[in-house]
Amino acid sequence: MVLWRLFQSLGHDARVATAVAPFLLALACRVMFGGTRVTHWMTALGAAWFVVNVFLAPYSPQMRQDILRLRGWLP
């Protein structure tokens, strides 16, 4: 998991930027192109990406894995 090690080596500011950037990009596209179906989906996915990053950020790697394992319990 080279990509995961690369992400772990990033500083806190870079992690915040990777969490916020997709949402801001989606908002910029929505301003430029209007409220199309694509921009609505981009905004929703960007917001979901931000929430997942914020939700998983304060936990240790072991806690993150425990939380991700809970997905298997959901229907």
PDB file of N, CA and C in Angstrom:
ATOM      1  N   MET A   1       0.830  -1.176   0.000  1.00  0.00           N
ATOM      2  CA  MET A   1       0.000   0.000   0.000  1.00  0.00           C
ATOM      3  C   MET A   1       0.883   1.251   0.000  1.00  0.00           C
ATOM      4  N   VAL A   2       1.550   1.461  -1.093  1.00  0.00           N
ATOM      5  CA  VAL A   2       2.440   2.607  -1.228  1.00  0.00           C
ATOM      6  C   VAL A   2       1.656   3.908  -1.120  1.00  0.00           C
ATOM      7  N   LEU A   3       0.471   3.929  -1.698  1.00  0.00           N
ATOM      8  CA  LEU A   3      -0.347   5.135  -1.653  1.00  0.00           C
ATOM      9  C   LEU A   3      -0.716   5.494  -0.215  1.00  0.00           C
ATOM     10  N   TRP A   4      -1.029   4.481   0.602  1.00  0.00           N
ATOM     11  CA  TRP A   4      -1.385   4.746   2.004  1.00  0.00           C
ATOM     12  C   TRP A   4      -0.183   5.291   2.773  1.00  0.00           C
ATOM     13  N   ARG A   5       1.006   4.735   2.524  1.00  0.00           N
ATOM     14  CA  ARG A   5       2.208   5.246   3.195  1.00  0.00           C
ATOM     15  C   ARG A   5       2.504   6.678   2.773  1.00  0.00           C
ATOM     16  N   LEU A   6       2.271   6.984   1.517  1.00  0.00           N
ATOM     17  CA  LEU A   6       2.456   8.346   1.040  1.00  0.00           C
ATOM     18  C   LEU A   6       1.487   9.292   1.751  1.00  0.00           C
ATOM     19  N   PHE A   7       0.242   8.870   1.884  1.00  0.00           N
ATOM     20  CA  PHE A   7      -0.752   9.691   2.572  1.00  0.00           C
ATOM     21  C   PHE A   7      -0.388   9.883   4.040  1.00  0.00           C
ATOM     22  N   GLN A   8       0.145   8.854   4.699  1.00  0.00           N
ATOM     23  CA  GLN A   8       0.528   8.963   6.104  1.00  0.00           C
ATOM     24  C   GLN A   8       1.712   9.909   6.286  1.00  0.00           C
ATOM     25  N   SER A   9       2.554  10.029   5.286  1.00  0.00           N
ATOM     26  CA  SER A   9       3.719  10.893   5.413  1.00  0.00           C
ATOM     27  C   SER A   9       3.374  12.367   5.213  1.00  0.00           C
ATOM     28  N   LEU A  10       2.172  12.660   4.731  1.00  0.00           N
ATOM     29  CA  LEU A  10       1.762  14.050   4.545  1.00  0.00           C
ATOM     30  C   LEU A  10       1.552  14.731   5.898  1.00  0.00           C
ATOM     31  N   GLY A  11       1.763  16.005   5.919  1.00  0.00           N
ATOM     32  CA  GLY A  11       1.513  16.771   7.126  1.00  0.00           C
ATOM     33  C   GLY A  11       0.022  17.013   7.308  1.00  0.00           C
ATOM     34  N   HIS A  12      -0.328  17.627   8.440  1.00  0.00           N
ATOM     35  CA  HIS A  12      -1.737  17.869   8.743  1.00  0.00           C
ATOM     36  C   HIS A  12      -2.374  18.826   7.744  1.00  0.00           C
ATOM     37  N   ASP A  13      -1.635  19.841   7.332  1.00  0.00           N
ATOM     38  CA  ASP A  13      -2.186  20.802   6.365  1.00  0.00           C
ATOM     39  C   ASP A  13      -2.483  20.140   5.028  1.00  0.00           C
ATOM     40  N   ALA A  14      -1.600  19.255   4.599  1.00  0.00           N
ATOM     41  CA  ALA A  14      -1.823  18.554   3.330  1.00  0.00           C
ATOM     42  C   ALA A  14      -3.016  17.609   3.432  1.00  0.00           C
ATOM     43  N   ARG A  15      -3.211  16.999   4.593  1.00  0.00           N
ATOM     44  CA  ARG A  15      -4.368  16.126   4.773  1.00  0.00           C
ATOM     45  C   ARG A  15      -5.669  16.916   4.724  1.00  0.00           C
ATOM     46  N   VAL A  16      -5.663  18.090   5.324  1.00  0.00           N
ATOM     47  CA  VAL A  16      -6.849  18.949   5.266  1.00  0.00           C
ATOM     48  C   VAL A  16      -7.114  19.359   3.826  1.00  0.00           C
ATOM     49  N   ALA A  17      -6.052  19.676   3.097  1.00  0.00           N
ATOM     50  CA  ALA A  17      -6.218  20.078   1.694  1.00  0.00           C
ATOM     51  C   ALA A  17      -6.800  18.936   0.862  1.00  0.00           C
ATOM     52  N   THR A  18      -6.372  17.698   1.102  1.00  0.00           N
ATOM     53  CA  THR A  18      -6.913  16.572   0.348  1.00  0.00           C
ATOM     54  C   THR A  18      -8.363  16.286   0.726  1.00  0.00           C
ATOM     55  N   ALA A  19      -8.766  16.686   1.912  1.00  0.00           N
ATOM     56  CA  ALA A  19     -10.157  16.499   2.317  1.00  0.00           C
ATOM     57  C   ALA A  19     -11.058  17.585   1.743  1.00  0.00           C
ATOM     58  N   VAL A  20     -10.557  18.819   1.670  1.00  0.00           N
ATOM     59  CA  VAL A  20     -11.374  19.960   1.277  1.00  0.00           C
ATOM     60  C   VAL A  20     -11.356  20.188  -0.233  1.00  0.00           C
ATOM     61  N   ALA A  21     -10.269  19.876  -0.899  1.00  0.00           N
ATOM     62  CA  ALA A  21     -10.104  20.197  -2.323  1.00  0.00           C
ATOM     63  C   ALA A  21     -11.219  19.651  -3.222  1.00  0.00           C
ATOM     64  N   PRO A  22     -11.632  18.381  -3.105  1.00  0.00           N
ATOM     65  CA  PRO A  22     -12.705  17.912  -3.996  1.00  0.00           C
ATOM     66  C   PRO A  22     -14.020  18.669  -3.799  1.00  0.00           C
ATOM     67  N   PHE A  23     -14.332  19.010  -2.564  1.00  0.00           N
ATOM     68  CA  PHE A  23     -15.565  19.752  -2.303  1.00  0.00           C
ATOM     69  C   PHE A  23     -15.483  21.158  -2.894  1.00  0.00           C
ATOM     70  N   LEU A  24     -14.343  21.819  -2.719  1.00  0.00           N
ATOM     71  CA  LEU A  24     -14.193  23.160  -3.283  1.00  0.00           C
ATOM     72  C   LEU A  24     -14.200  23.129  -4.806  1.00  0.00           C
ATOM     73  N   LEU A  25     -13.607  22.105  -5.387  1.00  0.00           N
ATOM     74  CA  LEU A  25     -13.643  21.939  -6.843  1.00  0.00           C
ATOM     75  C   LEU A  25     -15.082  21.765  -7.337  1.00  0.00           C
ATOM     76  N   ALA A  26     -15.853  20.966  -6.611  1.00  0.00           N
ATOM     77  CA  ALA A  26     -17.255  20.759  -6.990  1.00  0.00           C
ATOM     78  C   ALA A  26     -18.048  22.059  -6.876  1.00  0.00           C
ATOM     79  N   LEU A  27     -17.789  22.836  -5.829  1.00  0.00           N
ATOM     80  CA  LEU A  27     -18.481  24.118  -5.691  1.00  0.00           C
ATOM     81  C   LEU A  27     -18.088  25.086  -6.798  1.00  0.00           C
ATOM     82  N   ALA A  28     -16.825  25.104  -7.165  1.00  0.00           N
ATOM     83  CA  ALA A  28     -16.377  25.976  -8.253  1.00  0.00           C
ATOM     84  C   ALA A  28     -17.033  25.576  -9.572  1.00  0.00           C
ATOM     85  N   CYS A  29     -17.129  24.285  -9.836  1.00  0.00           N
ATOM     86  CA  CYS A  29     -17.807  23.818 -11.058  1.00  0.00           C
ATOM     87  C   CYS A  29     -19.286  24.179 -11.033  1.00  0.00           C
ATOM     88  N   ARG A  30     -19.873  24.106  -9.869  1.00  0.00           N
ATOM     89  CA  ARG A  30     -21.295  24.457  -9.773  1.00  0.00           C
ATOM     90  C   ARG A  30     -21.518  25.938 -10.046  1.00  0.00           C
ATOM     91  N   VAL A  31     -20.602  26.784  -9.567  1.00  0.00           N
ATOM     92  CA  VAL A  31     -20.711  28.221  -9.832  1.00  0.00           C
ATOM     93  C   VAL A  31     -20.516  28.493 -11.320  1.00  0.00           C
ATOM     94  N   MET A  32     -19.542  27.830 -11.935  1.00  0.00           N
ATOM     95  CA  MET A  32     -19.250  28.071 -13.350  1.00  0.00           C
ATOM     96  C   MET A  32     -20.308  27.501 -14.290  1.00  0.00           C
ATOM     97  N   PHE A  33     -20.784  26.280 -14.016  1.00  0.00           N
ATOM     98  CA  PHE A  33     -21.664  25.590 -14.948  1.00  0.00           C
ATOM     99  C   PHE A  33     -23.128  25.572 -14.526  1.00  0.00           C
ATOM    100  N   GLY A  34     -23.427  26.039 -13.340  1.00  0.00           N
ATOM    101  CA  GLY A  34     -24.812  26.040 -12.865  1.00  0.00           C
ATOM    102  C   GLY A  34     -25.166  24.741 -12.171  1.00  0.00           C
ATOM    103  N   GLY A  35     -26.419  24.625 -11.813  1.00  0.00           N
ATOM    104  CA  GLY A  35     -26.880  23.468 -11.049  1.00  0.00           C
ATOM    105  C   GLY A  35     -27.287  22.298 -11.920  1.00  0.00           C
ATOM    106  N   THR A  36     -26.348  21.707 -12.610  1.00  0.00           N
ATOM    107  CA  THR A  36     -26.640  20.535 -13.434  1.00  0.00           C
ATOM    108  C   THR A  36     -26.593  19.275 -12.577  1.00  0.00           C
ATOM    109  N   ARG A  37     -27.023  18.184 -13.170  1.00  0.00           N
ATOM    110  CA  ARG A  37     -27.023  16.909 -12.444  1.00  0.00           C
ATOM    111  C   ARG A  37     -25.596  16.498 -12.069  1.00  0.00           C
ATOM    112  N   VAL A  38     -24.656  16.748 -12.967  1.00  0.00           N
ATOM    113  CA  VAL A  38     -23.254  16.382 -12.712  1.00  0.00           C
ATOM    114  C   VAL A  38     -22.696  17.186 -11.542  1.00  0.00           C
ATOM    115  N   THR A  39     -22.983  18.482 -11.505  1.00  0.00           N
ATOM    116  CA  THR A  39     -22.456  19.297 -10.408  1.00  0.00           C
ATOM    117  C   THR A  39     -23.112  18.937  -9.078  1.00  0.00           C
ATOM    118  N   HIS A  40     -24.368  18.518  -9.119  1.00  0.00           N
ATOM    119  CA  HIS A  40     -25.016  18.061  -7.881  1.00  0.00           C
ATOM    120  C   HIS A  40     -24.330  16.805  -7.354  1.00  0.00           C
ATOM    121  N   TRP A  41     -24.028  15.866  -8.261  1.00  0.00           N
ATOM    122  CA  TRP A  41     -23.330  14.643  -7.858  1.00  0.00           C
ATOM    123  C   TRP A  41     -21.921  14.950  -7.360  1.00  0.00           C
ATOM    124  N   MET A  42     -21.241  15.856  -8.047  1.00  0.00           N
ATOM    125  CA  MET A  42     -19.888  16.228  -7.612  1.00  0.00           C
ATOM    126  C   MET A  42     -19.917  16.847  -6.221  1.00  0.00           C
ATOM    127  N   THR A  43     -20.899  17.696  -5.957  1.00  0.00           N
ATOM    128  CA  THR A  43     -21.019  18.313  -4.638  1.00  0.00           C
ATOM    129  C   THR A  43     -21.318  17.257  -3.577  1.00  0.00           C
ATOM    130  N   ALA A  44     -22.211  16.342  -3.875  1.00  0.00           N
ATOM    131  CA  ALA A  44     -22.557  15.292  -2.916  1.00  0.00           C
ATOM    132  C   ALA A  44     -21.357  14.383  -2.628  1.00  0.00           C
ATOM    133  N   LEU A  45     -20.650  13.985  -3.676  1.00  0.00           N
ATOM    134  CA  LEU A  45     -19.475  13.125  -3.473  1.00  0.00           C
ATOM    135  C   LEU A  45     -18.343  13.865  -2.766  1.00  0.00           C
ATOM    136  N   GLY A  46     -18.153  15.137  -3.096  1.00  0.00           N
ATOM    137  CA  GLY A  46     -17.137  15.933  -2.410  1.00  0.00           C
ATOM    138  C   GLY A  46     -17.452  16.102  -0.941  1.00  0.00           C
ATOM    139  N   ALA A  47     -18.716  16.320  -0.622  1.00  0.00           N
ATOM    140  CA  ALA A  47     -19.121  16.444   0.780  1.00  0.00           C
ATOM    141  C   ALA A  47     -18.949  15.117   1.517  1.00  0.00           C
ATOM    142  N   ALA A  48     -19.298  14.010   0.855  1.00  0.00           N
ATOM    143  CA  ALA A  48     -19.122  12.693   1.476  1.00  0.00           C
ATOM    144  C   ALA A  48     -17.643  12.405   1.721  1.00  0.00           C
ATOM    145  N   TRP A  49     -16.790  12.742   0.757  1.00  0.00           N
ATOM    146  CA  TRP A  49     -15.349  12.556   0.926  1.00  0.00           C
ATOM    147  C   TRP A  49     -14.838  13.364   2.127  1.00  0.00           C
ATOM    148  N   PHE A  50     -15.306  14.594   2.266  1.00  0.00           N
ATOM    149  CA  PHE A  50     -14.906  15.444   3.380  1.00  0.00           C
ATOM    150  C   PHE A  50     -15.359  14.828   4.706  1.00  0.00           C
ATOM    151  N   VAL A  51     -16.588  14.357   4.776  1.00  0.00           N
ATOM    152  CA  VAL A  51     -17.107  13.770   6.010  1.00  0.00           C
ATOM    153  C   VAL A  51     -16.313  12.526   6.393  1.00  0.00           C
ATOM    154  N   VAL A  52     -16.013  11.681   5.422  1.00  0.00           N
ATOM    155  CA  VAL A  52     -15.232  10.473   5.712  1.00  0.00           C
ATOM    156  C   VAL A  52     -13.845  10.842   6.231  1.00  0.00           C
ATOM    157  N   ASN A  53     -13.216  11.831   5.614  1.00  0.00           N
ATOM    158  CA  ASN A  53     -11.896  12.255   6.069  1.00  0.00           C
ATOM    159  C   ASN A  53     -11.944  12.833   7.475  1.00  0.00           C
ATOM    160  N   VAL A  54     -12.936  13.631   7.763  1.00  0.00           N
ATOM    161  CA  VAL A  54     -13.052  14.225   9.094  1.00  0.00           C
ATOM    162  C   VAL A  54     -13.386  13.160  10.116  1.00  0.00           C
ATOM    163  N   PHE A  55     -14.233  12.214   9.743  1.00  0.00           N
ATOM    164  CA  PHE A  55     -14.635  11.153  10.663  1.00  0.00           C
ATOM    165  C   PHE A  55     -13.467  10.248  11.023  1.00  0.00           C
ATOM    166  N   LEU A  56     -12.618   9.931  10.063  1.00  0.00           N
ATOM    167  CA  LEU A  56     -11.520   8.996  10.309  1.00  0.00           C
ATOM    168  C   LEU A  56     -10.241   9.665  10.791  1.00  0.00           C
ATOM    169  N   ALA A  57     -10.148  10.971  10.716  1.00  0.00           N
ATOM    170  CA  ALA A  57      -8.897  11.660  11.015  1.00  0.00           C
ATOM    171  C   ALA A  57      -8.393  11.479  12.445  1.00  0.00           C
ATOM    172  N   PRO A  58      -9.211  11.608  13.475  1.00  0.00           N
ATOM    173  CA  PRO A  58      -8.639  11.605  14.824  1.00  0.00           C
ATOM    174  C   PRO A  58      -8.293  10.234  15.381  1.00  0.00           C
ATOM    175  N   TYR A  59      -8.577   9.185  14.657  1.00  0.00           N
ATOM    176  CA  TYR A  59      -8.389   7.853  15.199  1.00  0.00           C
ATOM    177  C   TYR A  59      -7.053   7.243  14.786  1.00  0.00           C
ATOM    178  N   SER A  60      -6.589   6.348  15.610  1.00  0.00           N
ATOM    179  CA  SER A  60      -5.360   5.622  15.320  1.00  0.00           C
ATOM    180  C   SER A  60      -5.619   4.646  14.176  1.00  0.00           C
ATOM    181  N   PRO A  61      -4.548   4.143  13.548  1.00  0.00           N
ATOM    182  CA  PRO A  61      -4.744   3.186  12.446  1.00  0.00           C
ATOM    183  C   PRO A  61      -5.546   1.947  12.865  1.00  0.00           C
ATOM    184  N   GLN A  62      -5.329   1.458  14.084  1.00  0.00           N
ATOM    185  CA  GLN A  62      -6.087   0.288  14.547  1.00  0.00           C
ATOM    186  C   GLN A  62      -7.566   0.621  14.694  1.00  0.00           C
ATOM    187  N   MET A  63      -7.870   1.798  15.228  1.00  0.00           N
ATOM    188  CA  MET A  63      -9.266   2.213  15.378  1.00  0.00           C
ATOM    189  C   MET A  63      -9.923   2.402  14.007  1.00  0.00           C
ATOM    190  N   ARG A  64      -9.177   2.927  13.053  1.00  0.00           N
ATOM    191  CA  ARG A  64      -9.718   3.095  11.706  1.00  0.00           C
ATOM    192  C   ARG A  64     -10.108   1.748  11.111  1.00  0.00           C
ATOM    193  N   GLN A  65      -9.256   0.755  11.294  1.00  0.00           N
ATOM    194  CA  GLN A  65      -9.567  -0.567  10.755  1.00  0.00           C
ATOM    195  C   GLN A  65     -10.789  -1.158  11.446  1.00  0.00           C
ATOM    196  N   ASP A  66     -10.920  -0.953  12.744  1.00  0.00           N
ATOM    197  CA  ASP A  66     -12.100  -1.441  13.456  1.00  0.00           C
ATOM    198  C   ASP A  66     -13.369  -0.790  12.924  1.00  0.00           C
ATOM    199  N   ILE A  67     -13.300   0.509  12.668  1.00  0.00           N
ATOM    200  CA  ILE A  67     -14.472   1.217  12.148  1.00  0.00           C
ATOM    201  C   ILE A  67     -14.804   0.724  10.740  1.00  0.00           C
ATOM    202  N   LEU A  68     -13.782   0.520   9.918  1.00  0.00           N
ATOM    203  CA  LEU A  68     -14.033   0.031   8.563  1.00  0.00           C
ATOM    204  C   LEU A  68     -14.579  -1.394   8.560  1.00  0.00           C
ATOM    205  N   ARG A  69     -14.195  -2.189   9.554  1.00  0.00           N
ATOM    206  CA  ARG A  69     -14.739  -3.545   9.659  1.00  0.00           C
ATOM    207  C   ARG A  69     -16.225  -3.533  10.001  1.00  0.00           C
ATOM    208  N   LEU A  70     -16.680  -2.476  10.655  1.00  0.00           N
ATOM    209  CA  LEU A  70     -18.102  -2.378  10.991  1.00  0.00           C
ATOM    210  C   LEU A  70     -18.977  -2.303   9.744  1.00  0.00           C
ATOM    211  N   ARG A  71     -18.402  -1.857   8.618  1.00  0.00           N
ATOM    212  CA  ARG A  71     -19.174  -1.807   7.376  1.00  0.00           C
ATOM    213  C   ARG A  71     -19.710  -3.168   6.995  1.00  0.00           C
ATOM    214  N   GLY A  72     -18.977  -4.219   7.316  1.00  0.00           N
ATOM    215  CA  GLY A  72     -19.423  -5.564   6.990  1.00  0.00           C
ATOM    216  C   GLY A  72     -20.666  -5.976   7.767  1.00  0.00           C
ATOM    217  N   TRP A  73     -20.934  -5.349   8.877  1.00  0.00           N
ATOM    218  CA  TRP A  73     -22.099  -5.672   9.686  1.00  0.00           C
ATOM    219  C   TRP A  73     -23.367  -5.004   9.160  1.00  0.00           C
ATOM    220  N   LEU A  74     -23.192  -3.943   8.392  1.00  0.00           N
ATOM    221  CA  LEU A  74     -24.357  -3.211   7.880  1.00  0.00           C
ATOM    222  C   LEU A  74     -24.961  -3.949   6.705  1.00  0.00           C
ATOM    223  N   PRO A  75     -26.282  -3.917   6.573  1.00  0.00           N
ATOM    224  CA  PRO A  75     -26.923  -4.638   5.453  1.00  0.00           C
ATOM    225  C   PRO A  75     -26.662  -3.979   4.130  1.00  0.00           C
TER     226      PRO A  75
END
